[in-house]
Amino acid sequence: MEMIRLATQEDLQQITAIYNQAVLAKFETADTDPVSVESRENWLAVHPADQYPVIVYEYAGIVRGWCSISPYRRGRGALRFTAEISYYVDRDMRGRGIGGRLLESAIALAASLGFRNLFAIVLDRNHPSIRLLEKSGFRKWGEMPGVADFDGDECGHLYYGKRIAHSASL
């Protein structure tokens, strides 16, 4: 059985393992060292379900992917309707539409929480993620060339955004 649901503390081991797959693969996240489950506990604590939720894709009782909605420039009132999304899928489950389902669920959830804009920051070499974002209606909003350095191998950061709702005044 498969489902997408809110993440819980019990999911942190699998969430961390999936994230660390991306760290070790390079060019899927800008982190260069694996993260600990303990550090993810703090991360989950600043993602309350009613403001900045983390959702997981569960298959056969195992978390196989996740997506987070995070604040953008926390505390700056004019940006309160904009959030960043991040998503990761277990290496063994890629190419099965899980990323698309997570993204679709996160977009709907973000809209229900009142967000108007979503964006993702991806490394310019992460072509599968770029294709997924474009397929989901995101467009390139910005580029920072050569800002990431992986042991002397540089790549850029791309900002992909999507307007998901409009204010009444627009």
N, C-alpha and C. Protein backbone atom coordinates (compact mmCIF):
# COMPACT_ATOMS: atom_id res chain seq x y z
N MET A 1 0.84 -1.18 0.00
CA MET A 1 0.00 0.00 0.00
C MET A 1 0.89 1.25 0.00
N GLU A 2 0.45 2.26 -0.73
CA GLU A 2 1.20 3.51 -0.78
C GLU A 2 0.34 4.65 -0.26
N MET A 3 1.00 5.65 0.31
CA MET A 3 0.29 6.83 0.78
C MET A 3 1.26 7.99 0.92
N ILE A 4 0.69 9.18 0.85
CA ILE A 4 1.43 10.40 1.17
C ILE A 4 0.79 10.96 2.42
N ARG A 5 1.61 11.25 3.41
CA ARG A 5 1.12 11.70 4.71
C ARG A 5 2.13 12.65 5.34
N LEU A 6 1.72 13.28 6.43
CA LEU A 6 2.63 14.14 7.17
C LEU A 6 3.73 13.31 7.82
N ALA A 7 4.91 13.85 7.85
CA ALA A 7 6.04 13.17 8.49
C ALA A 7 5.91 13.20 10.00
N THR A 8 6.47 12.19 10.64
CA THR A 8 6.51 12.12 12.10
C THR A 8 7.96 11.88 12.54
N GLN A 9 8.18 11.99 13.84
CA GLN A 9 9.51 11.70 14.40
C GLN A 9 9.99 10.31 14.00
N GLU A 10 9.06 9.37 13.92
CA GLU A 10 9.41 7.98 13.60
C GLU A 10 9.97 7.85 12.18
N ASP A 11 9.73 8.82 11.33
CA ASP A 11 10.20 8.78 9.94
C ASP A 11 11.62 9.31 9.77
N LEU A 12 12.18 9.91 10.81
CA LEU A 12 13.45 10.63 10.65
C LEU A 12 14.61 9.75 10.21
N GLN A 13 14.65 8.51 10.65
CA GLN A 13 15.73 7.61 10.22
C GLN A 13 15.71 7.45 8.70
N GLN A 14 14.52 7.20 8.14
CA GLN A 14 14.41 6.99 6.70
C GLN A 14 14.57 8.30 5.92
N ILE A 15 14.04 9.39 6.45
CA ILE A 15 14.21 10.70 5.82
C ILE A 15 15.70 11.03 5.72
N THR A 16 16.42 10.80 6.82
CA THR A 16 17.86 11.08 6.86
C THR A 16 18.62 10.19 5.89
N ALA A 17 18.28 8.92 5.85
CA ALA A 17 18.96 7.99 4.93
C ALA A 17 18.77 8.41 3.48
N ILE A 18 17.56 8.82 3.13
CA ILE A 18 17.28 9.25 1.75
C ILE A 18 18.07 10.52 1.44
N TYR A 19 18.08 11.47 2.38
CA TYR A 19 18.84 12.70 2.16
C TYR A 19 20.32 12.40 1.99
N ASN A 20 20.85 11.53 2.81
CA ASN A 20 22.27 11.21 2.72
C ASN A 20 22.63 10.50 1.43
N GLN A 21 21.70 9.80 0.80
CA GLN A 21 21.94 9.25 -0.54
C GLN A 21 22.27 10.39 -1.50
N ALA A 22 21.51 11.49 -1.39
CA ALA A 22 21.73 12.65 -2.26
C ALA A 22 23.07 13.31 -1.96
N VAL A 23 23.42 13.40 -0.69
CA VAL A 23 24.71 13.99 -0.30
C VAL A 23 25.85 13.20 -0.93
N LEU A 24 25.80 11.89 -0.80
CA LEU A 24 26.89 11.04 -1.30
C LEU A 24 26.94 10.99 -2.82
N ALA A 25 25.81 11.22 -3.48
CA ALA A 25 25.77 11.19 -4.94
C ALA A 25 26.40 12.45 -5.55
N LYS A 26 26.48 13.52 -4.80
CA LYS A 26 26.95 14.83 -5.27
C LYS A 26 25.98 15.41 -6.30
N PHE A 27 25.96 16.71 -6.37
CA PHE A 27 25.18 17.47 -7.34
C PHE A 27 23.67 17.30 -7.19
N GLU A 28 23.21 16.71 -6.07
CA GLU A 28 21.78 16.62 -5.80
C GLU A 28 21.40 17.50 -4.62
N THR A 29 22.37 17.88 -3.82
CA THR A 29 22.22 18.83 -2.73
C THR A 29 23.59 19.50 -2.55
N ALA A 30 23.59 20.68 -1.97
CA ALA A 30 24.86 21.37 -1.77
C ALA A 30 25.58 20.90 -0.50
N ASP A 31 24.93 20.10 0.32
CA ASP A 31 25.63 19.51 1.46
C ASP A 31 26.71 18.56 0.93
N THR A 32 27.86 18.58 1.58
CA THR A 32 28.95 17.70 1.16
C THR A 32 29.25 16.61 2.19
N ASP A 33 28.65 16.72 3.37
CA ASP A 33 28.84 15.71 4.41
C ASP A 33 27.47 15.18 4.83
N PRO A 34 27.37 13.88 5.05
CA PRO A 34 26.10 13.31 5.52
C PRO A 34 25.63 14.00 6.80
N VAL A 35 24.31 14.03 6.98
CA VAL A 35 23.72 14.64 8.17
C VAL A 35 23.28 13.54 9.14
N SER A 36 23.11 13.92 10.38
CA SER A 36 22.72 12.95 11.41
C SER A 36 21.21 12.99 11.64
N VAL A 37 20.70 11.92 12.19
CA VAL A 37 19.28 11.89 12.57
C VAL A 37 19.01 12.98 13.60
N GLU A 38 19.95 13.21 14.50
CA GLU A 38 19.79 14.23 15.54
C GLU A 38 19.62 15.62 14.91
N SER A 39 20.38 15.93 13.88
CA SER A 39 20.23 17.23 13.22
C SER A 39 18.89 17.33 12.53
N ARG A 40 18.37 16.24 12.06
CA ARG A 40 17.06 16.22 11.41
C ARG A 40 15.94 16.40 12.43
N GLU A 41 16.19 16.04 13.69
CA GLU A 41 15.19 16.28 14.73
C GLU A 41 14.95 17.78 14.88
N ASN A 42 16.02 18.56 14.92
CA ASN A 42 15.90 20.02 14.99
C ASN A 42 15.21 20.56 13.74
N TRP A 43 15.56 20.03 12.59
CA TRP A 43 14.97 20.45 11.32
C TRP A 43 13.47 20.20 11.32
N LEU A 44 13.04 19.01 11.76
CA LEU A 44 11.61 18.70 11.79
C LEU A 44 10.88 19.59 12.78
N ALA A 45 11.53 19.94 13.88
CA ALA A 45 10.91 20.79 14.89
C ALA A 45 10.57 22.18 14.35
N VAL A 46 11.32 22.68 13.38
CA VAL A 46 11.02 24.00 12.80
C VAL A 46 10.15 23.88 11.54
N HIS A 47 9.53 22.72 11.38
CA HIS A 47 8.59 22.48 10.28
C HIS A 47 7.24 22.02 10.85
N PRO A 48 6.56 22.90 11.62
CA PRO A 48 5.26 22.49 12.16
C PRO A 48 4.26 22.22 11.03
N ALA A 49 3.46 21.19 11.21
CA ALA A 49 2.54 20.73 10.15
C ALA A 49 1.55 21.80 9.72
N ASP A 50 1.21 22.73 10.60
CA ASP A 50 0.23 23.75 10.24
C ASP A 50 0.85 24.99 9.61
N GLN A 51 2.18 25.01 9.45
CA GLN A 51 2.85 26.14 8.83
C GLN A 51 3.81 25.71 7.72
N TYR A 52 4.74 24.85 8.05
CA TYR A 52 5.78 24.42 7.11
C TYR A 52 5.93 22.90 7.18
N PRO A 53 4.95 22.18 6.65
CA PRO A 53 4.94 20.73 6.82
C PRO A 53 6.00 19.99 6.01
N VAL A 54 6.28 18.80 6.49
CA VAL A 54 7.08 17.82 5.76
C VAL A 54 6.15 16.65 5.48
N ILE A 55 6.11 16.23 4.22
CA ILE A 55 5.29 15.07 3.87
C ILE A 55 6.19 13.94 3.39
N VAL A 56 5.69 12.73 3.54
CA VAL A 56 6.46 11.56 3.11
C VAL A 56 5.61 10.71 2.18
N TYR A 57 6.29 10.03 1.29
CA TYR A 57 5.67 9.00 0.46
C TYR A 57 6.06 7.67 1.09
N GLU A 58 5.04 6.92 1.50
CA GLU A 58 5.27 5.64 2.15
C GLU A 58 4.78 4.51 1.24
N TYR A 59 5.61 3.51 1.08
CA TYR A 59 5.26 2.34 0.28
C TYR A 59 5.61 1.09 1.08
N ALA A 60 4.62 0.23 1.27
CA ALA A 60 4.81 -1.01 2.03
C ALA A 60 5.39 -0.74 3.42
N GLY A 61 4.92 0.35 4.04
CA GLY A 61 5.35 0.67 5.39
C GLY A 61 6.71 1.33 5.51
N ILE A 62 7.33 1.66 4.38
CA ILE A 62 8.67 2.26 4.38
C ILE A 62 8.61 3.62 3.68
N VAL A 63 9.21 4.63 4.29
CA VAL A 63 9.30 5.95 3.66
C VAL A 63 10.27 5.85 2.49
N ARG A 64 9.80 6.22 1.31
CA ARG A 64 10.60 6.12 0.09
C ARG A 64 10.88 7.48 -0.54
N GLY A 65 10.31 8.54 0.02
CA GLY A 65 10.55 9.89 -0.47
C GLY A 65 9.93 10.89 0.49
N TRP A 66 10.36 12.13 0.38
CA TRP A 66 9.80 13.16 1.23
C TRP A 66 9.92 14.53 0.57
N CYS A 67 9.12 15.46 1.05
CA CYS A 67 9.12 16.83 0.54
C CYS A 67 8.84 17.76 1.70
N SER A 68 9.59 18.84 1.78
CA SER A 68 9.38 19.82 2.85
C SER A 68 9.01 21.17 2.26
N ILE A 69 8.20 21.89 3.02
CA ILE A 69 7.87 23.29 2.73
C ILE A 69 8.56 24.10 3.82
N SER A 70 9.42 25.02 3.41
CA SER A 70 10.23 25.77 4.38
C SER A 70 10.04 27.26 4.19
N PRO A 71 10.24 28.03 5.28
CA PRO A 71 10.10 29.48 5.16
C PRO A 71 11.18 30.08 4.27
N TYR A 72 10.82 31.16 3.62
CA TYR A 72 11.78 31.92 2.82
C TYR A 72 12.01 33.24 3.54
N ARG A 73 13.23 33.48 3.96
CA ARG A 73 13.62 34.71 4.65
C ARG A 73 12.70 34.96 5.85
N ARG A 74 12.70 33.98 6.75
CA ARG A 74 11.84 33.99 7.94
C ARG A 74 11.88 35.36 8.63
N GLY A 75 10.71 35.84 8.99
CA GLY A 75 10.61 37.09 9.72
C GLY A 75 10.43 38.32 8.85
N ARG A 76 10.56 38.18 7.56
CA ARG A 76 10.38 39.33 6.67
C ARG A 76 8.95 39.29 6.13
N GLY A 77 8.11 40.13 6.69
CA GLY A 77 6.67 40.09 6.46
C GLY A 77 6.22 40.09 5.01
N ALA A 78 6.89 40.85 4.18
CA ALA A 78 6.47 40.94 2.78
C ALA A 78 6.66 39.62 2.04
N LEU A 79 7.44 38.71 2.61
CA LEU A 79 7.72 37.42 1.95
C LEU A 79 6.96 36.26 2.59
N ARG A 80 5.97 36.57 3.43
CA ARG A 80 5.27 35.53 4.19
C ARG A 80 4.45 34.58 3.33
N PHE A 81 4.15 34.94 2.09
CA PHE A 81 3.35 34.07 1.22
C PHE A 81 4.22 33.27 0.26
N THR A 82 5.52 33.27 0.49
CA THR A 82 6.46 32.55 -0.37
C THR A 82 7.19 31.50 0.46
N ALA A 83 7.32 30.30 -0.10
CA ALA A 83 7.99 29.21 0.61
C ALA A 83 8.90 28.46 -0.35
N GLU A 84 9.89 27.81 0.24
CA GLU A 84 10.81 26.96 -0.52
C GLU A 84 10.39 25.51 -0.35
N ILE A 85 10.48 24.73 -1.43
CA ILE A 85 10.23 23.30 -1.31
C ILE A 85 11.51 22.54 -1.64
N SER A 86 11.66 21.43 -0.96
CA SER A 86 12.77 20.51 -1.20
C SER A 86 12.18 19.11 -1.24
N TYR A 87 12.72 18.26 -2.07
CA TYR A 87 12.17 16.90 -2.18
C TYR A 87 13.29 15.93 -2.54
N TYR A 88 13.16 14.72 -2.02
CA TYR A 88 14.16 13.68 -2.24
C TYR A 88 13.45 12.33 -2.32
N VAL A 89 13.91 11.48 -3.21
CA VAL A 89 13.32 10.15 -3.40
C VAL A 89 14.42 9.10 -3.26
N ASP A 90 14.09 8.03 -2.57
CA ASP A 90 15.01 6.91 -2.40
C ASP A 90 15.55 6.47 -3.76
N ARG A 91 16.85 6.30 -3.84
CA ARG A 91 17.50 5.91 -5.11
C ARG A 91 16.86 4.70 -5.77
N ASP A 92 16.47 3.72 -4.97
CA ASP A 92 15.90 2.48 -5.51
C ASP A 92 14.48 2.66 -6.04
N MET A 93 13.87 3.80 -5.78
CA MET A 93 12.48 4.03 -6.19
C MET A 93 12.34 5.14 -7.22
N ARG A 94 13.43 5.65 -7.72
CA ARG A 94 13.35 6.74 -8.70
C ARG A 94 12.80 6.25 -10.03
N GLY A 95 12.20 7.17 -10.76
CA GLY A 95 11.64 6.84 -12.07
C GLY A 95 10.27 6.21 -11.99
N ARG A 96 9.62 6.27 -10.83
CA ARG A 96 8.30 5.65 -10.65
C ARG A 96 7.21 6.68 -10.39
N GLY A 97 7.53 7.96 -10.57
CA GLY A 97 6.53 9.00 -10.38
C GLY A 97 6.35 9.48 -8.95
N ILE A 98 7.19 9.00 -8.05
CA ILE A 98 7.06 9.39 -6.64
C ILE A 98 7.34 10.88 -6.46
N GLY A 99 8.38 11.38 -7.10
CA GLY A 99 8.70 12.81 -6.99
C GLY A 99 7.55 13.67 -7.47
N GLY A 100 6.94 13.30 -8.57
CA GLY A 100 5.80 14.05 -9.09
C GLY A 100 4.62 14.04 -8.15
N ARG A 101 4.34 12.89 -7.54
CA ARG A 101 3.23 12.81 -6.60
C ARG A 101 3.51 13.64 -5.34
N LEU A 102 4.75 13.58 -4.87
CA LEU A 102 5.11 14.41 -3.72
C LEU A 102 4.97 15.89 -4.04
N LEU A 103 5.47 16.28 -5.19
CA LEU A 103 5.41 17.69 -5.59
C LEU A 103 3.96 18.15 -5.73
N GLU A 104 3.14 17.34 -6.37
CA GLU A 104 1.72 17.68 -6.54
C GLU A 104 1.04 17.84 -5.18
N SER A 105 1.30 16.94 -4.26
CA SER A 105 0.72 17.03 -2.92
C SER A 105 1.22 18.25 -2.17
N ALA A 106 2.51 18.54 -2.30
CA ALA A 106 3.08 19.70 -1.60
C ALA A 106 2.52 21.01 -2.15
N ILE A 107 2.32 21.09 -3.45
CA ILE A 107 1.74 22.30 -4.05
C ILE A 107 0.34 22.52 -3.51
N ALA A 108 -0.48 21.47 -3.49
CA ALA A 108 -1.85 21.59 -2.98
C ALA A 108 -1.85 21.97 -1.50
N LEU A 109 -0.97 21.35 -0.73
CA LEU A 109 -0.87 21.64 0.69
C LEU A 109 -0.43 23.08 0.91
N ALA A 110 0.56 23.53 0.17
CA ALA A 110 1.05 24.91 0.30
C ALA A 110 -0.06 25.91 -0.03
N ALA A 111 -0.82 25.65 -1.08
CA ALA A 111 -1.93 26.54 -1.44
C ALA A 111 -2.96 26.58 -0.32
N SER A 112 -3.25 25.42 0.28
CA SER A 112 -4.24 25.38 1.37
C SER A 112 -3.76 26.13 2.61
N LEU A 113 -2.46 26.27 2.75
CA LEU A 113 -1.88 27.00 3.88
C LEU A 113 -1.74 28.50 3.59
N GLY A 114 -2.14 28.92 2.39
CA GLY A 114 -2.12 30.34 2.05
C GLY A 114 -0.89 30.82 1.32
N PHE A 115 0.00 29.93 0.95
CA PHE A 115 1.17 30.36 0.18
C PHE A 115 0.75 30.69 -1.24
N ARG A 116 1.41 31.67 -1.82
CA ARG A 116 1.12 32.08 -3.20
C ARG A 116 2.24 31.71 -4.16
N ASN A 117 3.44 31.61 -3.63
CA ASN A 117 4.61 31.32 -4.46
C ASN A 117 5.41 30.19 -3.82
N LEU A 118 5.87 29.28 -4.67
CA LEU A 118 6.78 28.23 -4.23
C LEU A 118 8.01 28.29 -5.10
N PHE A 119 9.15 27.99 -4.52
CA PHE A 119 10.34 27.87 -5.34
C PHE A 119 11.21 26.75 -4.81
N ALA A 120 12.02 26.23 -5.71
CA ALA A 120 13.00 25.19 -5.37
C ALA A 120 14.36 25.67 -5.84
N ILE A 121 15.37 25.39 -5.07
CA ILE A 121 16.74 25.71 -5.46
C ILE A 121 17.42 24.40 -5.83
N VAL A 122 17.87 24.30 -7.07
CA VAL A 122 18.49 23.06 -7.53
C VAL A 122 19.86 23.35 -8.13
N LEU A 123 20.73 22.38 -8.02
CA LEU A 123 22.03 22.49 -8.67
C LEU A 123 21.84 22.30 -10.17
N ASP A 124 22.58 23.06 -10.96
CA ASP A 124 22.35 23.04 -12.41
C ASP A 124 22.68 21.71 -13.07
N ARG A 125 23.34 20.81 -12.35
CA ARG A 125 23.63 19.48 -12.90
C ARG A 125 22.57 18.44 -12.53
N ASN A 126 21.59 18.84 -11.76
CA ASN A 126 20.55 17.91 -11.32
C ASN A 126 19.42 17.90 -12.35
N HIS A 127 19.71 17.34 -13.50
CA HIS A 127 18.77 17.36 -14.63
C HIS A 127 17.46 16.65 -14.34
N PRO A 128 17.43 15.51 -13.64
CA PRO A 128 16.13 14.89 -13.35
C PRO A 128 15.22 15.80 -12.52
N SER A 129 15.79 16.51 -11.55
CA SER A 129 15.01 17.42 -10.73
C SER A 129 14.50 18.61 -11.55
N ILE A 130 15.34 19.13 -12.42
CA ILE A 130 14.93 20.23 -13.29
C ILE A 130 13.77 19.80 -14.18
N ARG A 131 13.87 18.61 -14.76
CA ARG A 131 12.77 18.10 -15.60
C ARG A 131 11.48 17.95 -14.80
N LEU A 132 11.58 17.44 -13.58
CA LEU A 132 10.40 17.28 -12.74
C LEU A 132 9.76 18.63 -12.43
N LEU A 133 10.56 19.61 -12.08
CA LEU A 133 10.02 20.94 -11.79
C LEU A 133 9.32 21.52 -13.01
N GLU A 134 9.96 21.44 -14.15
CA GLU A 134 9.36 21.99 -15.37
C GLU A 134 8.07 21.26 -15.72
N LYS A 135 8.04 19.95 -15.56
CA LYS A 135 6.84 19.16 -15.82
C LYS A 135 5.71 19.58 -14.88
N SER A 136 6.07 20.02 -13.68
CA SER A 136 5.09 20.43 -12.67
C SER A 136 4.73 21.91 -12.76
N GLY A 137 5.16 22.58 -13.82
CA GLY A 137 4.77 23.97 -14.04
C GLY A 137 5.70 25.01 -13.44
N PHE A 138 6.82 24.60 -12.90
CA PHE A 138 7.79 25.56 -12.38
C PHE A 138 8.62 26.10 -13.54
N ARG A 139 9.05 27.35 -13.42
CA ARG A 139 9.87 27.98 -14.44
C ARG A 139 11.12 28.55 -13.78
N LYS A 140 12.18 28.67 -14.56
CA LYS A 140 13.43 29.21 -14.01
C LYS A 140 13.24 30.69 -13.72
N TRP A 141 13.41 31.06 -12.46
CA TRP A 141 13.28 32.44 -12.03
C TRP A 141 14.64 33.09 -11.82
N GLY A 142 15.68 32.29 -11.67
CA GLY A 142 16.98 32.89 -11.43
C GLY A 142 18.10 31.88 -11.50
N GLU A 143 19.32 32.42 -11.60
CA GLU A 143 20.49 31.56 -11.72
C GLU A 143 21.67 32.21 -11.02
N MET A 144 22.43 31.39 -10.30
CA MET A 144 23.66 31.83 -9.65
C MET A 144 24.77 30.92 -10.16
N PRO A 145 25.46 31.32 -11.22
CA PRO A 145 26.46 30.43 -11.83
C PRO A 145 27.69 30.23 -10.95
N GLY A 146 28.16 28.98 -10.92
CA GLY A 146 29.42 28.66 -10.28
C GLY A 146 29.51 28.87 -8.78
N VAL A 147 28.38 28.90 -8.07
CA VAL A 147 28.44 29.20 -6.64
C VAL A 147 28.70 27.98 -5.76
N ALA A 148 28.49 26.79 -6.30
CA ALA A 148 28.72 25.56 -5.51
C ALA A 148 30.03 24.93 -5.95
N ASP A 149 30.83 24.52 -4.99
CA ASP A 149 32.13 23.92 -5.28
C ASP A 149 32.23 22.56 -4.61
N PHE A 150 32.34 21.53 -5.42
CA PHE A 150 32.51 20.16 -4.95
C PHE A 150 33.95 19.74 -5.23
N ASP A 151 34.82 19.99 -4.27
CA ASP A 151 36.24 19.63 -4.42
C ASP A 151 36.84 20.16 -5.72
N GLY A 152 36.59 21.43 -6.01
CA GLY A 152 37.13 22.07 -7.20
C GLY A 152 36.26 21.95 -8.43
N ASP A 153 35.18 21.22 -8.36
CA ASP A 153 34.24 21.05 -9.47
C ASP A 153 33.04 21.96 -9.19
N GLU A 154 32.95 23.07 -9.93
CA GLU A 154 31.91 24.06 -9.68
C GLU A 154 30.64 23.78 -10.46
N CYS A 155 29.53 24.19 -9.87
CA CYS A 155 28.25 24.19 -10.59
C CYS A 155 27.40 25.31 -10.02
N GLY A 156 26.33 25.62 -10.70
CA GLY A 156 25.48 26.73 -10.32
C GLY A 156 24.24 26.30 -9.57
N HIS A 157 23.59 27.31 -8.99
CA HIS A 157 22.30 27.14 -8.34
C HIS A 157 21.24 27.74 -9.26
N LEU A 158 20.18 27.02 -9.48
CA LEU A 158 19.05 27.51 -10.25
C LEU A 158 17.86 27.67 -9.32
N TYR A 159 17.13 28.75 -9.51
CA TYR A 159 15.91 28.99 -8.73
C TYR A 159 14.73 28.75 -9.66
N TYR A 160 13.92 27.76 -9.33
CA TYR A 160 12.71 27.45 -10.09
C TYR A 160 11.51 27.82 -9.24
N GLY A 161 10.59 28.59 -9.81
CA GLY A 161 9.44 29.05 -9.04
C GLY A 161 8.13 28.79 -9.74
N LYS A 162 7.08 28.86 -8.93
CA LYS A 162 5.73 28.68 -9.45
C LYS A 162 4.78 29.52 -8.61
N ARG A 163 3.94 30.27 -9.30
CA ARG A 163 2.87 31.02 -8.64
C ARG A 163 1.72 30.04 -8.46
N ILE A 164 1.31 29.78 -7.21
CA ILE A 164 0.27 28.78 -6.98
C ILE A 164 -1.07 29.39 -6.58
N ALA A 165 -1.10 30.66 -6.22
CA ALA A 165 -2.35 31.34 -5.86
C ALA A 165 -2.15 32.83 -6.03
N HIS A 166 -3.23 33.52 -6.17
CA HIS A 166 -3.17 34.97 -6.35
C HIS A 166 -3.86 35.66 -5.19
N SER A 167 -3.35 36.81 -4.81
CA SER A 167 -3.99 37.58 -3.75
C SER A 167 -5.23 38.25 -4.31
N ALA A 168 -6.12 38.61 -3.42
CA ALA A 168 -7.37 39.25 -3.84
C ALA A 168 -7.11 40.61 -4.48
N SER A 169 -5.98 41.24 -4.15
CA SER A 169 -5.69 42.57 -4.68
C SER A 169 -5.05 42.54 -6.06
N LEU A 170 -4.71 41.36 -6.56
CA LEU A 170 -4.05 41.29 -7.88
C LEU A 170 -5.06 41.22 -9.00
